[in-house]
């Protein structure tokens, strides 16, 4: 991980702004950073006229932190139990697995069965707004039981339902995403102005790729003034190496994780002097003696492609498909020193290379440590024979990778460039540009996934740039009664209201974390507290 010595004490200049449906204006602070951070319209959440406060601190010259609290606990919100709907006699597919949303007939059938067993059940239609690439409309029907003022009462009802032979989960109606909801929302905004900020904005993943670290640990180890979580990553060992970026990862100009083909990345150049959002594809190859072999991945477990978007022969798809692990038995994957103490073990072969790319050995069972400064290439399935023939002892193998942006222009990261994976897009050229279908967040035949991930409110982490060239990092707390969270559509509207010309969604949910001055300042939603993540965006002070 890139480490910096902490230099200089942070300066906190608190400004509290109360907003009632009017644009927020900075008050007494004389610094340009504080003024520009707060000259934004009220957040487009809930009815107009909700109370909104904004508290701004200048953490370093050119770096501001603004907390926005909008609305208050809405007395109309209730706790309820959301039932799992089986196929049922009326279902178009009675053998389909139980799920949260289904067709109206199946939902009505379950609700009737629950009522017959003495439960206060109802079937509710769920509609979702359209986006740039998704028509929206009716997602399906859900079944809910009861309406309670406390979570404990809903949990007690859930136990009764389970004892009666049904299943379901406790949920809060404030997380549904109704436009009439009155809050509350809690959002934190870091604004980096390269005109006056003399530190750097970097991405970091910790000691190695294959393990996770908390954002606060990454911030402390590097001496960062502030930090947020960054891209999506592998969480389940059955999907690869936990901590491995599930998409592009470029650190200090080095490609250490390949893109999910065509999905967006946040590109931070020259230590944060500029940033942009672009869609990325890649090509990789292993070359020697005039022969080339196609490379399928970098620093990931061969055969497991988290979020998909890989090769044409991957199963079930070569297109992006979020939170799905595609598979392929025939893979060629390159490994660098950054991966971890040992490369993944398994059937196949592994060419172990020295620091100059010369073959030191060919492991007939892949997996093990790399030599100092060395690397390796692993082959599985039908690629085993080809790599075995190419990787003669002493032979120099060249690993070549090419990144391209959405205009098919070659991207050559400099040593000061970092790229983290993201999706979907939220804002482009100042207009709402929400792309869940393009980025694999629409799962055909599974509306419940879209319902939980896109439609419902969750904690979110967002990033983007404004017209003045500032980079803005945003976290929104959620999954609580103290802060409802944001749907993906609401995230886009919030980003635009904060003045972002281009914005994208980063990893969220339990990963959403913001650190400032050595403290986690938001409220991560995991029951265990702050979640270890794959990588983070670190705002580092100027080196002395």
Protein backbone atom coordinates (compact mmCIF):
# COMPACT_ATOMS: atom_id res chain seq x y z
CA UNK A 1 0.00 0.00 0.00
CA UNK A 2 1.15 3.55 -0.67
CA UNK A 3 2.06 5.11 2.69
CA UNK A 4 2.45 8.77 3.56
CA UNK A 5 3.54 10.43 6.79
CA UNK A 6 0.77 12.56 8.26
CA UNK A 7 1.71 16.21 8.05
CA UNK A 8 -0.01 19.16 9.63
CA UNK A 9 -3.04 19.39 11.89
CA UNK A 10 -6.48 19.59 10.36
CA UNK A 11 -8.41 22.83 10.77
CA UNK A 12 -12.12 22.58 11.53
CA UNK A 13 -14.32 25.56 10.71
CA UNK A 14 -17.88 24.57 11.54
CA UNK A 15 -20.77 26.18 9.65
CA UNK A 16 -24.36 25.06 10.22
CA UNK A 17 -26.94 25.93 7.58
CA UNK A 18 -30.68 25.42 7.97
CA UNK A 19 -32.58 24.90 4.74
CA UNK A 20 -36.33 24.80 4.20
CA UNK A 21 -36.79 24.15 0.52
CA UNK A 22 -34.31 26.91 -0.41
CA UNK A 23 -30.76 26.78 -1.79
CA UNK A 24 -28.13 26.47 0.93
CA UNK A 25 -25.74 29.39 1.18
CA UNK A 26 -22.43 29.54 2.98
CA UNK A 27 -22.15 32.02 5.80
CA UNK A 28 -19.25 33.39 7.78
CA UNK A 29 -16.34 31.25 6.58
CA UNK A 30 -13.84 33.31 4.55
CA UNK A 31 -12.36 30.30 2.71
CA UNK A 32 -13.31 29.57 -0.88
CA UNK A 33 -13.44 25.87 -0.09
CA UNK A 34 -16.26 26.22 2.42
CA UNK A 35 -18.28 28.54 0.21
CA UNK A 36 -18.13 26.30 -2.85
CA UNK A 37 -18.94 23.20 -0.84
CA UNK A 38 -22.28 24.60 0.31
CA UNK A 39 -23.76 26.66 -2.52
CA UNK A 40 -26.04 23.81 -3.53
CA UNK A 41 -29.79 23.41 -3.83
CA UNK A 42 -31.66 21.49 -1.16
CA UNK A 43 -31.52 17.74 -1.62
CA UNK A 44 -34.29 16.36 -3.85
CA UNK A 45 -35.51 13.93 -1.20
CA UNK A 46 -39.04 13.90 0.15
CA UNK A 47 -41.50 16.80 -0.13
CA UNK A 48 -40.27 20.35 -0.68
CA UNK A 49 -39.93 22.34 2.50
CA UNK A 50 -38.36 19.66 4.71
CA UNK A 51 -35.87 20.98 7.23
CA UNK A 52 -32.28 20.52 6.08
CA UNK A 53 -29.05 21.37 7.89
CA UNK A 54 -25.53 21.48 6.49
CA UNK A 55 -22.41 21.54 8.61
CA UNK A 56 -19.13 22.27 6.84
CA UNK A 57 -15.53 21.80 7.98
CA UNK A 58 -12.32 22.68 6.19
CA UNK A 59 -10.09 19.67 6.81
CA UNK A 60 -7.17 21.05 4.80
CA UNK A 61 -6.93 23.99 2.40
CA UNK A 62 -8.90 22.84 -0.62
CA UNK A 63 -10.57 19.92 1.20
CA UNK A 64 -14.00 20.34 2.80
CA UNK A 65 -16.35 17.98 4.56
CA UNK A 66 -20.08 18.77 4.59
CA UNK A 67 -22.68 16.82 6.55
CA UNK A 68 -26.25 17.17 5.30
CA UNK A 69 -29.19 16.05 7.44
CA UNK A 70 -32.60 16.30 5.81
CA UNK A 71 -36.02 15.64 7.28
CA UNK A 72 -36.87 13.79 10.48
CA UNK A 73 -38.33 10.46 11.51
CA UNK A 74 -41.60 10.04 9.61
CA UNK A 75 -44.46 8.88 11.87
CA UNK A 76 -46.04 7.18 8.87
CA UNK A 77 -43.22 4.62 8.70
CA UNK A 78 -43.79 1.22 10.23
CA UNK A 79 -42.00 -2.07 10.77
CA UNK A 80 -43.49 -5.04 8.96
CA UNK A 81 -42.71 -8.61 7.91
CA UNK A 82 -42.06 -9.25 4.23
CA UNK A 83 -42.95 -12.83 3.36
CA UNK A 84 -41.06 -15.13 1.02
CA UNK A 85 -43.42 -16.13 -1.79
CA UNK A 86 -43.32 -19.77 -2.99
CA UNK A 87 -44.38 -20.82 -6.48
CA UNK A 88 -47.91 -21.73 -5.42
CA UNK A 89 -50.73 -23.34 -7.36
CA UNK A 90 -51.36 -20.24 -9.47
CA UNK A 91 -47.72 -19.42 -10.30
CA UNK A 92 -46.63 -19.51 -13.97
CA UNK A 93 -43.70 -21.58 -12.71
CA UNK A 94 -44.71 -23.53 -9.57
CA UNK A 95 -41.21 -25.01 -9.36
CA UNK A 96 -39.50 -21.60 -9.22
CA UNK A 97 -37.63 -20.97 -5.94
CA UNK A 98 -39.24 -18.82 -3.25
CA UNK A 99 -38.57 -15.11 -3.63
CA UNK A 100 -39.57 -11.68 -2.35
CA UNK A 101 -41.43 -10.59 -5.49
CA UNK A 102 -43.61 -12.71 -7.75
CA UNK A 103 -46.61 -12.46 -10.03
CA UNK A 104 -49.88 -11.09 -8.63
CA UNK A 105 -51.65 -14.47 -8.53
CA UNK A 106 -48.88 -16.06 -6.45
CA UNK A 107 -48.80 -13.10 -4.05
CA UNK A 108 -52.58 -13.09 -3.69
CA UNK A 109 -52.55 -16.84 -3.03
CA UNK A 110 -49.94 -16.54 -0.28
CA UNK A 111 -51.71 -13.56 1.31
CA UNK A 112 -54.98 -15.52 1.37
CA UNK A 113 -53.26 -18.52 2.98
CA UNK A 114 -51.70 -16.30 5.64
CA UNK A 115 -55.02 -14.61 6.40
CA UNK A 116 -56.67 -18.03 6.70
CA UNK A 117 -54.06 -18.87 9.33
CA UNK A 118 -54.86 -15.71 11.28
CA UNK A 119 -52.20 -13.29 10.01
CA UNK A 120 -52.82 -9.71 8.87
CA UNK A 121 -51.44 -10.20 5.35
CA UNK A 122 -51.70 -8.07 2.24
CA UNK A 123 -50.35 -8.21 -1.32
CA UNK A 124 -48.75 -5.00 -2.60
CA UNK A 125 -47.77 -4.02 -6.12
CA UNK A 126 -44.20 -2.74 -6.53
CA UNK A 127 -43.47 -0.27 -9.32
CA UNK A 128 -40.07 1.19 -10.06
CA UNK A 129 -39.07 4.33 -12.00
CA UNK A 130 -37.56 4.14 -15.45
CA UNK A 131 -33.87 4.82 -15.99
CA UNK A 132 -31.74 5.62 -19.02
CA UNK A 133 -31.63 1.96 -20.07
CA UNK A 134 -34.47 0.29 -18.15
CA UNK A 135 -38.20 0.78 -18.75
CA UNK A 136 -39.23 0.44 -15.11
CA UNK A 137 -42.89 -0.14 -14.29
CA UNK A 138 -44.23 -3.06 -12.28
CA UNK A 139 -41.49 -5.23 -10.81
CA UNK A 140 -43.91 -7.65 -9.19
CA UNK A 141 -45.98 -8.11 -6.04
CA UNK A 142 -44.81 -8.55 -2.47
CA UNK A 143 -46.65 -9.91 0.57
CA UNK A 144 -46.41 -8.14 3.91
CA UNK A 145 -47.81 -9.01 7.32
CA UNK A 146 -48.69 -6.55 10.05
CA UNK A 147 -47.71 -2.95 10.78
CA UNK A 148 -45.75 -2.17 13.93
CA UNK A 149 -44.18 0.83 15.62
CA UNK A 150 -41.18 -1.19 16.81
CA UNK A 151 -38.74 -3.59 15.20
CA UNK A 152 -39.10 -5.94 18.18
CA UNK A 153 -42.84 -6.33 17.60
CA UNK A 154 -42.26 -7.16 13.92
CA UNK A 155 -39.55 -9.66 14.90
CA UNK A 156 -42.01 -11.37 17.25
CA UNK A 157 -44.55 -11.64 14.43
CA UNK A 158 -41.88 -13.10 12.16
CA UNK A 159 -41.28 -15.88 14.69
CA UNK A 160 -45.01 -16.65 14.69
CA UNK A 161 -45.00 -16.79 10.90
CA UNK A 162 -42.02 -19.15 10.84
CA UNK A 163 -43.67 -21.40 13.43
CA UNK A 164 -46.72 -21.56 11.16
CA UNK A 165 -44.60 -22.90 8.30
CA UNK A 166 -43.92 -19.66 6.37
CA UNK A 167 -40.74 -17.59 5.97
CA UNK A 168 -39.95 -13.89 5.75
CA UNK A 169 -37.83 -11.00 7.00
CA UNK A 170 -38.38 -7.86 9.05
CA UNK A 171 -38.25 -4.61 7.10
CA UNK A 172 -38.96 -0.89 7.55
CA UNK A 173 -41.33 0.91 5.20
CA UNK A 174 -39.03 3.94 5.09
CA UNK A 175 -36.62 1.90 3.00
CA UNK A 176 -39.20 1.38 0.23
CA UNK A 177 -38.37 4.62 -1.58
CA UNK A 178 -41.68 6.49 -1.59
CA UNK A 179 -41.29 10.08 -2.80
CA UNK A 180 -43.64 11.26 -0.04
CA UNK A 181 -41.37 10.03 2.76
CA UNK A 182 -40.17 12.76 5.12
CA UNK A 183 -36.82 11.28 6.09
CA UNK A 184 -34.47 11.36 7.76
CA UNK A 185 -31.44 11.25 5.49
CA UNK A 186 -27.82 11.73 6.52
CA UNK A 187 -25.25 12.38 3.82
CA UNK A 188 -21.55 13.28 4.06
CA UNK A 189 -19.71 15.02 1.23
CA UNK A 190 -15.95 15.37 0.72
CA UNK A 191 -14.96 17.98 -1.85
CA UNK A 192 -11.39 18.10 -3.21
CA UNK A 193 -10.49 21.31 -5.04
CA UNK A 194 -7.24 20.73 -6.98
CA UNK A 195 -6.76 24.49 -7.36
CA UNK A 196 -5.95 24.85 -3.67
CA UNK A 197 -5.49 21.33 -2.28
CA UNK A 198 -1.82 20.36 -2.16
CA UNK A 199 -2.21 16.76 -1.03
CA UNK A 200 -3.11 13.75 -3.15
CA UNK A 201 -6.12 11.57 -3.84
CA UNK A 202 -5.03 7.95 -4.22
CA UNK A 203 -6.55 4.49 -4.33
CA UNK A 204 -5.07 1.80 -2.09
CA UNK A 205 -5.81 -1.85 -1.33
CA UNK A 206 -3.61 -2.59 1.70
CA UNK A 207 -0.72 -5.04 1.98
CA UNK A 208 -2.05 -7.33 -0.76
CA UNK A 209 -4.91 -7.92 -3.18
CA UNK A 210 -6.31 -11.14 -1.73
CA UNK A 211 -7.15 -9.82 1.75
CA UNK A 212 -9.52 -7.13 2.94
CA UNK A 213 -8.83 -4.12 5.16
CA UNK A 214 -11.15 -1.60 6.77
CA UNK A 215 -11.19 1.92 5.39
CA UNK A 216 -10.10 3.25 8.77
CA UNK A 217 -7.08 0.92 8.80
CA UNK A 218 -6.08 1.95 5.29
CA UNK A 219 -6.49 5.61 6.27
CA UNK A 220 -4.47 5.25 9.47
CA UNK A 221 -1.66 3.28 7.84
CA UNK A 222 -1.25 5.90 5.12
CA UNK A 223 -1.80 8.98 7.28
CA UNK A 224 -4.83 10.01 5.25
CA UNK A 225 -6.82 13.08 6.23
CA UNK A 226 -10.01 11.48 4.88
CA UNK A 227 -11.09 8.36 3.01
CA UNK A 228 -14.06 6.46 1.60
CA UNK A 229 -14.55 2.89 0.44
CA UNK A 230 -14.08 2.40 -3.28
CA UNK A 231 -14.88 -0.41 -5.73
CA UNK A 232 -16.76 -3.70 -5.61
CA UNK A 233 -14.77 -6.72 -4.46
CA UNK A 234 -15.00 -10.45 -3.85
CA UNK A 235 -16.54 -11.22 -0.46
CA UNK A 236 -17.31 -14.95 -0.59
CA UNK A 237 -14.33 -17.37 -0.95
CA UNK A 238 -16.50 -19.44 -3.30
CA UNK A 239 -16.37 -16.48 -5.71
CA UNK A 240 -12.61 -15.99 -5.63
CA UNK A 241 -10.13 -14.38 -3.26
CA UNK A 242 -11.91 -12.14 -0.72
CA UNK A 243 -10.66 -8.60 -1.25
CA UNK A 244 -9.92 -9.02 -4.95
CA UNK A 245 -11.46 -6.09 -6.88
CA UNK A 246 -14.51 -7.31 -8.82
CA UNK A 247 -13.61 -5.14 -11.78
CA UNK A 248 -10.84 -2.80 -12.76
CA UNK A 249 -8.12 -1.89 -10.31
CA UNK A 250 -5.25 0.36 -11.37
CA UNK A 251 -2.90 1.55 -8.63
CA UNK A 252 0.07 3.84 -9.25
CA UNK A 253 -0.44 3.28 -12.97
CA UNK A 254 -0.32 -0.54 -12.77
CA UNK A 255 -3.22 -2.72 -13.88
CA UNK A 256 -3.66 -5.17 -10.99
CA UNK A 257 -7.24 -6.25 -11.77
CA UNK A 258 -8.93 -6.39 -15.17
CA UNK A 259 -12.19 -4.56 -15.97
CA UNK A 260 -15.65 -6.00 -16.03
CA UNK A 261 -15.92 -5.37 -19.75
CA UNK A 262 -17.61 -2.08 -20.56
CA UNK A 263 -18.43 -1.06 -17.00
CA UNK A 264 -17.44 2.35 -15.67
CA UNK A 265 -14.40 3.20 -13.61
CA UNK A 266 -13.45 6.29 -11.65
CA UNK A 267 -10.13 7.48 -13.07
CA UNK A 268 -8.02 9.66 -10.75
CA UNK A 269 -5.03 11.25 -12.45
CA UNK A 270 -1.92 12.96 -11.15
CA UNK A 271 -2.74 12.31 -7.51
CA UNK A 272 -6.18 13.87 -7.80
CA UNK A 273 -5.37 16.90 -9.90
CA UNK A 274 -8.12 15.65 -12.21
CA UNK A 275 -10.66 12.84 -12.34
CA UNK A 276 -13.14 11.42 -14.80
CA UNK A 277 -15.59 8.57 -15.27
CA UNK A 278 -15.25 6.36 -18.32
CA UNK A 279 -16.20 2.87 -19.44
CA UNK A 280 -13.29 0.51 -19.91
CA UNK A 281 -12.46 -2.65 -21.81
CA UNK A 282 -9.19 -4.53 -22.00
CA UNK A 283 -7.14 -7.08 -23.89
CA UNK A 284 -4.36 -9.21 -22.45
CA UNK A 285 -1.85 -11.62 -23.91
CA UNK A 286 1.20 -13.68 -23.04
CA UNK A 287 3.87 -13.57 -25.71
CA UNK A 288 7.15 -15.39 -26.47
CA UNK A 289 9.02 -16.45 -29.60
CA UNK A 290 6.40 -14.96 -31.90
CA UNK A 291 3.58 -16.86 -30.20
CA UNK A 292 0.79 -15.20 -28.20
CA UNK A 293 -1.78 -16.68 -25.85
CA UNK A 294 -4.92 -14.77 -24.79
CA UNK A 295 -4.91 -13.64 -21.17
CA UNK A 296 -8.22 -13.89 -19.28
CA UNK A 297 -7.46 -12.13 -16.03
CA UNK A 298 -5.04 -10.49 -13.63
CA UNK A 299 -4.65 -11.40 -9.94
CA UNK A 300 -7.81 -13.46 -9.52
CA UNK A 301 -8.66 -17.12 -8.99
CA UNK A 302 -8.76 -18.78 -12.44
CA UNK A 303 -12.23 -19.86 -13.47
CA UNK A 304 -14.13 -17.47 -11.18
CA UNK A 305 -15.16 -14.13 -12.72
CA UNK A 306 -16.98 -11.99 -10.17
CA UNK A 307 -19.58 -9.69 -11.75
CA UNK A 308 -18.92 -11.49 -15.06
CA UNK A 309 -18.12 -9.36 -18.13
CA UNK A 310 -15.20 -11.55 -19.20
CA UNK A 311 -14.65 -13.91 -22.16
CA UNK A 312 -17.20 -15.05 -24.72
CA UNK A 313 -17.13 -18.63 -23.43
CA UNK A 314 -17.79 -17.73 -19.78
CA UNK A 315 -20.93 -19.18 -18.20
CA UNK A 316 -23.67 -18.03 -17.92
CA UNK A 317 -22.71 -14.84 -19.79
CA UNK A 318 -19.87 -12.73 -21.08
CA UNK A 319 -21.84 -9.57 -20.26
CA UNK A 320 -21.69 -7.75 -16.91
CA UNK A 321 -23.96 -9.35 -14.30
CA UNK A 322 -23.64 -7.82 -10.88
CA UNK A 323 -23.21 -10.00 -7.78
CA UNK A 324 -22.96 -13.11 -9.97
CA UNK A 325 -19.81 -15.20 -10.33
CA UNK A 326 -19.38 -16.49 -13.86
CA UNK A 327 -17.23 -19.56 -14.43
CA UNK A 328 -14.89 -20.89 -17.09
CA UNK A 329 -12.71 -24.02 -16.78
CA UNK A 330 -10.26 -22.76 -19.43
CA UNK A 331 -8.35 -19.73 -18.13
CA UNK A 332 -4.99 -17.99 -18.37
CA UNK A 333 -4.41 -15.58 -15.45
CA UNK A 334 -1.35 -13.49 -14.60
CA UNK A 335 -0.21 -12.83 -11.03
CA UNK A 336 1.99 -10.09 -9.62
CA UNK A 337 3.71 -9.59 -6.28
CA UNK A 338 0.71 -7.58 -5.07
CA UNK A 339 -1.65 -10.57 -5.09
CA UNK A 340 -0.52 -12.08 -1.78
CA UNK A 341 1.81 -14.49 -0.05
CA UNK A 342 0.80 -17.39 -2.29
CA UNK A 343 -0.92 -17.66 -5.65
CA UNK A 344 -4.15 -19.73 -5.80
CA UNK A 345 -3.79 -23.49 -5.60
CA UNK A 346 -5.50 -25.98 -7.87
CA UNK A 347 -5.28 -28.17 -10.94
CA UNK A 348 -3.40 -26.81 -13.94
CA UNK A 349 0.09 -25.41 -14.41
CA UNK A 350 1.89 -22.26 -13.33
CA UNK A 351 4.87 -20.65 -15.00
CA UNK A 352 6.91 -18.90 -12.27
CA UNK A 353 8.87 -15.92 -13.59
CA UNK A 354 11.75 -13.90 -12.17
CA UNK A 355 11.85 -10.11 -12.05
CA UNK A 356 12.85 -9.99 -15.75
CA UNK A 357 10.03 -12.31 -16.88
CA UNK A 358 12.23 -15.41 -17.37
CA UNK A 359 10.73 -18.80 -16.55
CA UNK A 360 12.21 -20.23 -13.36
CA UNK A 361 9.98 -23.28 -13.08
CA UNK A 362 6.73 -24.78 -14.26
CA UNK A 363 4.56 -25.95 -11.38
CA UNK A 364 2.47 -28.95 -12.39
CA UNK A 365 0.03 -28.14 -9.58
CA UNK A 366 -0.47 -24.42 -9.56
CA UNK A 367 -0.15 -22.29 -6.44
CA UNK A 368 2.63 -21.16 -4.11
CA UNK A 369 4.92 -18.25 -3.27
CA UNK A 370 6.47 -15.98 -5.88
CA UNK A 371 10.18 -15.13 -5.95
CA UNK A 372 11.21 -11.66 -4.87
CA UNK A 373 10.24 -9.26 -7.64
CA UNK A 374 8.79 -12.12 -9.64
CA UNK A 375 5.41 -13.00 -11.10
CA UNK A 376 3.58 -15.96 -12.59
CA UNK A 377 1.05 -17.13 -15.15
CA UNK A 378 -1.48 -19.84 -14.31
CA UNK A 379 -3.28 -22.01 -16.88
CA UNK A 380 -6.28 -24.27 -16.46
CA UNK A 381 -8.20 -26.58 -18.80
CA UNK A 382 -7.36 -26.39 -22.47
CA UNK A 383 -4.73 -23.66 -21.88
CA UNK A 384 -2.48 -26.00 -19.88
CA UNK A 385 -0.77 -27.57 -22.90
CA UNK A 386 -0.27 -24.21 -24.64
CA UNK A 387 1.39 -22.61 -21.60
CA UNK A 388 3.49 -25.72 -20.99
CA UNK A 389 4.82 -25.56 -24.55
CA UNK A 390 5.52 -21.83 -24.34
CA UNK A 391 7.08 -21.65 -20.86
CA UNK A 392 10.48 -23.29 -21.39
CA UNK A 393 13.02 -22.81 -18.57
CA UNK A 394 14.91 -19.57 -19.14
CA UNK A 395 12.40 -18.37 -21.74
CA UNK A 396 11.27 -14.77 -21.31
CA UNK A 397 7.48 -14.38 -21.30
CA UNK A 398 5.93 -10.98 -21.86
CA UNK A 399 2.58 -10.14 -20.27
CA UNK A 400 0.96 -7.36 -22.28
CA UNK A 401 -2.28 -5.59 -21.38
CA UNK A 402 -4.17 -2.84 -23.19
CA UNK A 403 -6.94 -0.70 -21.69
CA UNK A 404 -9.43 1.16 -23.88
CA UNK A 405 -12.07 3.74 -23.00
CA UNK A 406 -15.62 3.99 -24.35
CA UNK A 407 -14.39 5.88 -27.44
CA UNK A 408 -12.04 2.93 -28.09
CA UNK A 409 -9.04 5.10 -27.31
CA UNK A 410 -6.05 3.45 -25.69
CA UNK A 411 -5.67 4.33 -22.00
CA UNK A 412 -2.08 4.38 -20.77
CA UNK A 413 -2.09 5.10 -17.03
CA UNK A 414 0.83 7.14 -15.73
CA UNK A 415 2.45 6.31 -12.36
CA UNK A 416 0.15 8.92 -10.78
CA UNK A 417 -3.06 7.34 -12.09
CA UNK A 418 -5.48 5.16 -10.11
CA UNK A 419 -8.71 3.58 -11.38
CA UNK A 420 -11.36 1.91 -9.22
CA UNK A 421 -14.34 -0.05 -10.49
CA UNK A 422 -17.87 1.29 -10.20
CA UNK A 423 -21.41 1.13 -11.53
CA UNK A 424 -23.98 2.08 -12.51
CA UNK A 425 -23.44 5.53 -13.92
CA UNK A 426 -25.63 8.18 -12.33
CA UNK A 427 -24.98 11.53 -14.04
CA UNK A 428 -23.37 12.37 -17.36
CA UNK A 429 -22.77 15.91 -18.66
CA UNK A 430 -25.05 17.28 -15.94
CA UNK A 431 -28.02 15.08 -16.88
CA UNK A 432 -29.40 12.03 -15.13
CA UNK A 433 -27.82 9.01 -16.81
CA UNK A 434 -28.66 5.89 -14.77
CA UNK A 435 -27.52 2.63 -16.36
CA UNK A 436 -28.43 -0.46 -14.28
CA UNK A 437 -29.23 -2.65 -17.30
CA UNK A 438 -25.96 -1.87 -19.10
CA UNK A 439 -23.96 -2.53 -15.95
CA UNK A 440 -25.56 -5.85 -15.04
CA UNK A 441 -27.93 -4.75 -12.28
CA UNK A 442 -30.99 -6.10 -14.12
CA UNK A 443 -31.22 -9.86 -13.57
CA UNK A 444 -33.59 -11.39 -16.10
CA UNK A 445 -36.23 -13.51 -14.39
CA UNK A 446 -35.24 -12.26 -10.93
CA UNK A 447 -37.01 -8.95 -10.18
CA UNK A 448 -36.38 -9.46 -6.46
CA UNK A 449 -32.68 -8.78 -6.99
CA UNK A 450 -33.39 -5.43 -8.68
CA UNK A 451 -35.94 -4.67 -5.97
CA UNK A 452 -33.40 -5.13 -3.18
CA UNK A 453 -30.31 -3.64 -4.83
CA UNK A 454 -31.53 -0.86 -7.14
CA UNK A 455 -35.11 0.02 -6.19
CA UNK A 456 -34.94 -0.01 -2.39
CA UNK A 457 -33.01 2.45 -0.28
CA UNK A 458 -29.58 1.30 0.90
CA UNK A 459 -26.35 2.89 2.13
CA UNK A 460 -24.51 4.28 -0.90
CA UNK A 461 -21.08 5.63 -1.79
CA UNK A 462 -20.90 7.94 -4.81
CA UNK A 463 -18.14 9.76 -6.64
CA UNK A 464 -17.97 12.38 -9.35
CA UNK A 465 -16.69 15.68 -10.62
CA UNK A 466 -18.29 19.10 -10.91
CA UNK A 467 -18.00 21.84 -13.52
CA UNK A 468 -15.12 23.49 -11.63
CA UNK A 469 -13.00 20.33 -11.79
CA UNK A 470 -13.49 19.37 -8.14
CA UNK A 471 -13.69 15.70 -7.18
CA UNK A 472 -16.59 14.93 -4.85
CA UNK A 473 -16.98 11.79 -2.71
CA UNK A 474 -20.34 11.12 -1.05
CA UNK A 475 -21.62 8.61 1.49
CA UNK A 476 -25.27 8.17 2.47
CA UNK A 477 -26.09 6.14 5.56
CA UNK A 478 -28.98 3.70 5.38
CA UNK A 479 -30.69 0.55 6.66
CA UNK A 480 -31.66 2.37 9.84
CA UNK A 481 -34.44 4.60 11.12
CA UNK A 482 -31.91 7.41 11.66
CA UNK A 483 -31.04 7.54 7.94
CA UNK A 484 -33.14 5.87 5.26
CA UNK A 485 -30.49 5.53 2.56
CA UNK A 486 -30.95 6.09 -1.16
CA UNK A 487 -32.28 4.15 -4.11
CA UNK A 488 -30.08 4.22 -7.20
CA UNK A 489 -32.40 6.76 -8.83
CA UNK A 490 -32.32 8.92 -5.71
CA UNK A 491 -28.53 8.64 -5.69
CA UNK A 492 -28.41 10.13 -9.17
CA UNK A 493 -30.70 12.99 -8.20
CA UNK A 494 -28.65 13.72 -5.08
CA UNK A 495 -25.41 13.70 -7.08
CA UNK A 496 -26.83 16.15 -9.60
CA UNK A 497 -28.19 18.40 -6.84
CA UNK A 498 -24.69 18.54 -5.34
CA UNK A 499 -23.51 20.05 -8.62
CA UNK A 500 -21.87 16.98 -10.13
CA UNK A 501 -21.54 17.00 -13.90
CA UNK A 502 -20.53 13.33 -13.95
CA UNK A 503 -21.17 10.81 -11.19
CA UNK A 504 -21.05 7.07 -10.57
CA UNK A 505 -22.05 4.62 -7.87
CA UNK A 506 -19.25 2.90 -5.95
CA UNK A 507 -19.64 -0.09 -3.65
CA UNK A 508 -22.29 0.53 -1.00
CA UNK A 509 -24.39 -1.32 1.54
CA UNK A 510 -22.32 -2.49 4.48
CA UNK A 511 -19.17 -1.28 2.70
CA UNK A 512 -20.19 2.40 2.81
CA UNK A 513 -17.67 4.11 5.08
CA UNK A 514 -16.22 7.60 5.41
CA UNK A 515 -13.23 8.46 7.59
CA UNK A 516 -12.09 11.96 8.53
CA UNK A 517 -9.32 12.97 10.93
CA UNK A 518 -8.77 9.38 11.99
CA UNK A 519 -12.41 8.61 12.84
CA UNK A 520 -15.22 6.77 11.06
CA UNK A 521 -17.77 9.59 10.83
CA UNK A 522 -20.71 7.77 9.27
CA UNK A 523 -22.67 4.80 10.62
CA UNK A 524 -21.75 1.61 8.70
CA UNK A 525 -24.78 -0.67 8.46
CA UNK A 526 -23.25 -4.09 9.17
CA UNK A 527 -24.19 -5.44 12.58
CA UNK A 528 -20.50 -6.11 13.25
CA UNK A 529 -19.58 -2.50 12.48
CA UNK A 530 -17.08 -1.32 9.87
CA UNK A 531 -16.68 -3.85 7.04
CA UNK A 532 -13.25 -4.74 5.64
CA UNK A 533 -13.21 -3.83 1.94
CA UNK A 534 -11.15 -4.42 -1.18
CA UNK A 535 -9.84 -0.90 -1.73
CA UNK A 536 -10.40 2.70 -0.67
CA UNK A 537 -9.95 6.23 -1.94
CA UNK A 538 -7.52 8.05 0.36
CA UNK A 539 -7.06 11.81 0.63
CA UNK A 540 -3.48 12.31 1.79
CA UNK A 541 -1.89 15.52 3.08
CA UNK A 542 0.97 17.20 1.30
CA UNK A 543 4.25 15.40 1.86
CA UNK A 544 6.72 17.48 3.84
